[in-house]
Amino acid sequence: MPIYEYRCPKCGAEFEKLARNSSEKAACEKCGAKNAEKKLSTFSAKVMHASRSCPSRNECPSATKHSCGSGCGCHH
């Protein structure tokens, strides 16, 4: 079951809820309002590699987040 993120339009509280499906409604955990809005969520993963330097760092559009394809663990 996926975890969805919600925001309450009444009190502004943000919370997560384990849901059986994407259309499942959620009540606010803080104020009890029944119309919590599902937020657009992103996820992140960090890959560690023995080499901390990216061989194509100078060619990458972003020096902090990039993907050089060399297996160095950097991501775009």
C-alpha atoms as a PDB file:
ATOM      1  CA  MET A   1       0.000   0.000   0.000  1.00  0.00           C
ATOM      2  CA  PRO A   2       1.349   3.447  -0.896  1.00  0.00           C
ATOM      3  CA  ILE A   3       1.739   6.322   1.521  1.00  0.00           C
ATOM      4  CA  TYR A   4       0.071   9.533   0.344  1.00  0.00           C
ATOM      5  CA  GLU A   5       0.782  13.057   1.568  1.00  0.00           C
ATOM      6  CA  TYR A   6      -2.140  15.359   2.387  1.00  0.00           C
ATOM      7  CA  ARG A   7      -2.704  19.002   3.295  1.00  0.00           C
ATOM      8  CA  CYS A   8      -5.753  20.265   5.154  1.00  0.00           C
ATOM      9  CA  PRO A   9      -7.289  23.366   3.518  1.00  0.00           C
ATOM     10  CA  LYS A  10      -8.980  24.289   6.807  1.00  0.00           C
ATOM     11  CA  CYS A  11      -6.018  24.343   9.244  1.00  0.00           C
ATOM     12  CA  GLY A  12      -3.016  23.889   6.907  1.00  0.00           C
ATOM     13  CA  ALA A  13      -1.752  20.729   8.616  1.00  0.00           C
ATOM     14  CA  GLU A  14       0.283  18.343   6.483  1.00  0.00           C
ATOM     15  CA  PHE A  15       0.305  14.616   7.140  1.00  0.00           C
ATOM     16  CA  GLU A  16       0.854  11.205   5.542  1.00  0.00           C
ATOM     17  CA  LYS A  17      -1.586   8.318   5.349  1.00  0.00           C
ATOM     18  CA  LEU A  18      -1.236   4.719   4.226  1.00  0.00           C
ATOM     19  CA  ALA A  19      -4.042   4.160   1.705  1.00  0.00           C
ATOM     20  CA  ARG A  20      -5.428   1.135  -0.091  1.00  0.00           C
ATOM     21  CA  ASN A  21      -6.018   3.130  -3.291  1.00  0.00           C
ATOM     22  CA  SER A  22      -5.446   6.599  -4.708  1.00  0.00           C
ATOM     23  CA  SER A  23      -9.113   7.639  -4.413  1.00  0.00           C
ATOM     24  CA  GLU A  24      -9.323   6.937  -0.683  1.00  0.00           C
ATOM     25  CA  LYS A  25     -10.383  10.069   1.248  1.00  0.00           C
ATOM     26  CA  ALA A  26      -8.448  11.301   4.268  1.00  0.00           C
ATOM     27  CA  ALA A  27      -9.568  13.274   7.295  1.00  0.00           C
ATOM     28  CA  CYS A  28      -7.185  15.811   8.810  1.00  0.00           C
ATOM     29  CA  GLU A  29      -5.302  14.339  11.745  1.00  0.00           C
ATOM     30  CA  LYS A  30      -5.189  17.737  13.499  1.00  0.00           C
ATOM     31  CA  CYS A  31      -8.664  19.281  13.104  1.00  0.00           C
ATOM     32  CA  GLY A  32     -10.730  16.363  11.735  1.00  0.00           C
ATOM     33  CA  ALA A  33     -11.825  18.118   8.523  1.00  0.00           C
ATOM     34  CA  LYS A  34     -12.973  15.527   5.966  1.00  0.00           C
ATOM     35  CA  ASN A  35     -11.643  17.299   2.850  1.00  0.00           C
ATOM     36  CA  ALA A  36      -7.853  16.949   3.075  1.00  0.00           C
ATOM     37  CA  GLU A  37      -6.222  17.477  -0.314  1.00  0.00           C
ATOM     38  CA  LYS A  38      -3.681  15.016  -1.687  1.00  0.00           C
ATOM     39  CA  LYS A  39      -0.318  16.656  -2.344  1.00  0.00           C
ATOM     40  CA  LEU A  40       1.891  15.951  -5.316  1.00  0.00           C
ATOM     41  CA  SER A  41       4.726  13.945  -3.822  1.00  0.00           C
ATOM     42  CA  THR A  42       8.236  13.231  -4.998  1.00  0.00           C
ATOM     43  CA  PHE A  43      10.727  10.713  -3.806  1.00  0.00           C
ATOM     44  CA  SER A  44      14.461  10.669  -3.537  1.00  0.00           C
ATOM     45  CA  ALA A  45      17.135   8.025  -3.353  1.00  0.00           C
ATOM     46  CA  LYS A  46      20.794   8.458  -2.567  1.00  0.00           C
ATOM     47  CA  VAL A  47      23.239   6.057  -4.148  1.00  0.00           C
ATOM     48  CA  MET A  48      26.629   5.722  -2.515  1.00  0.00           C
ATOM     49  CA  HIS A  49      29.648   4.717  -4.542  1.00  0.00           C
ATOM     50  CA  ALA A  50      33.320   4.300  -3.722  1.00  0.00           C
ATOM     51  CA  SER A  51      34.248   7.174  -6.055  1.00  0.00           C
ATOM     52  CA  ARG A  52      32.996  10.511  -4.688  1.00  0.00           C
ATOM     53  CA  SER A  53      34.107  12.544  -7.700  1.00  0.00           C
ATOM     54  CA  CYS A  54      32.261  12.650 -10.983  1.00  0.00           C
ATOM     55  CA  PRO A  55      34.516  12.409 -14.051  1.00  0.00           C
ATOM     56  CA  SER A  56      32.184  14.667 -16.061  1.00  0.00           C
ATOM     57  CA  ARG A  57      31.452  17.269 -13.348  1.00  0.00           C
ATOM     58  CA  ASN A  58      32.645  20.105 -15.623  1.00  0.00           C
ATOM     59  CA  GLU A  59      30.271  18.971 -18.380  1.00  0.00           C
ATOM     60  CA  CYS A  60      27.234  18.676 -16.127  1.00  0.00           C
ATOM     61  CA  PRO A  61      24.626  21.500 -16.116  1.00  0.00           C
ATOM     62  CA  SER A  62      24.373  21.255 -12.318  1.00  0.00           C
ATOM     63  CA  ALA A  63      27.461  20.774 -10.183  1.00  0.00           C
ATOM     64  CA  THR A  64      25.451  19.508  -7.204  1.00  0.00           C
ATOM     65  CA  LYS A  65      22.908  17.191  -8.826  1.00  0.00           C
ATOM     66  CA  HIS A  66      23.750  15.432 -12.045  1.00  0.00           C
ATOM     67  CA  SER A  67      23.998  12.138 -13.849  1.00  0.00           C
ATOM     68  CA  CYS A  68      27.184  11.401 -15.683  1.00  0.00           C
ATOM     69  CA  GLY A  69      26.460   7.743 -16.469  1.00  0.00           C
ATOM     70  CA  SER A  70      29.810   6.589 -15.105  1.00  0.00           C
ATOM     71  CA  GLY A  71      28.418   4.840 -12.038  1.00  0.00           C
ATOM     72  CA  CYS A  72      29.772   7.473  -9.639  1.00  0.00           C
ATOM     73  CA  GLY A  73      26.419   7.746  -7.844  1.00  0.00           C
ATOM     74  CA  CYS A  74      25.496  11.237  -8.987  1.00  0.00           C
ATOM     75  CA  HIS A  75      21.952  11.950 -10.160  1.00  0.00           C
ATOM     76  CA  HIS A  76      20.170  14.576 -12.204  1.00  0.00           C
END
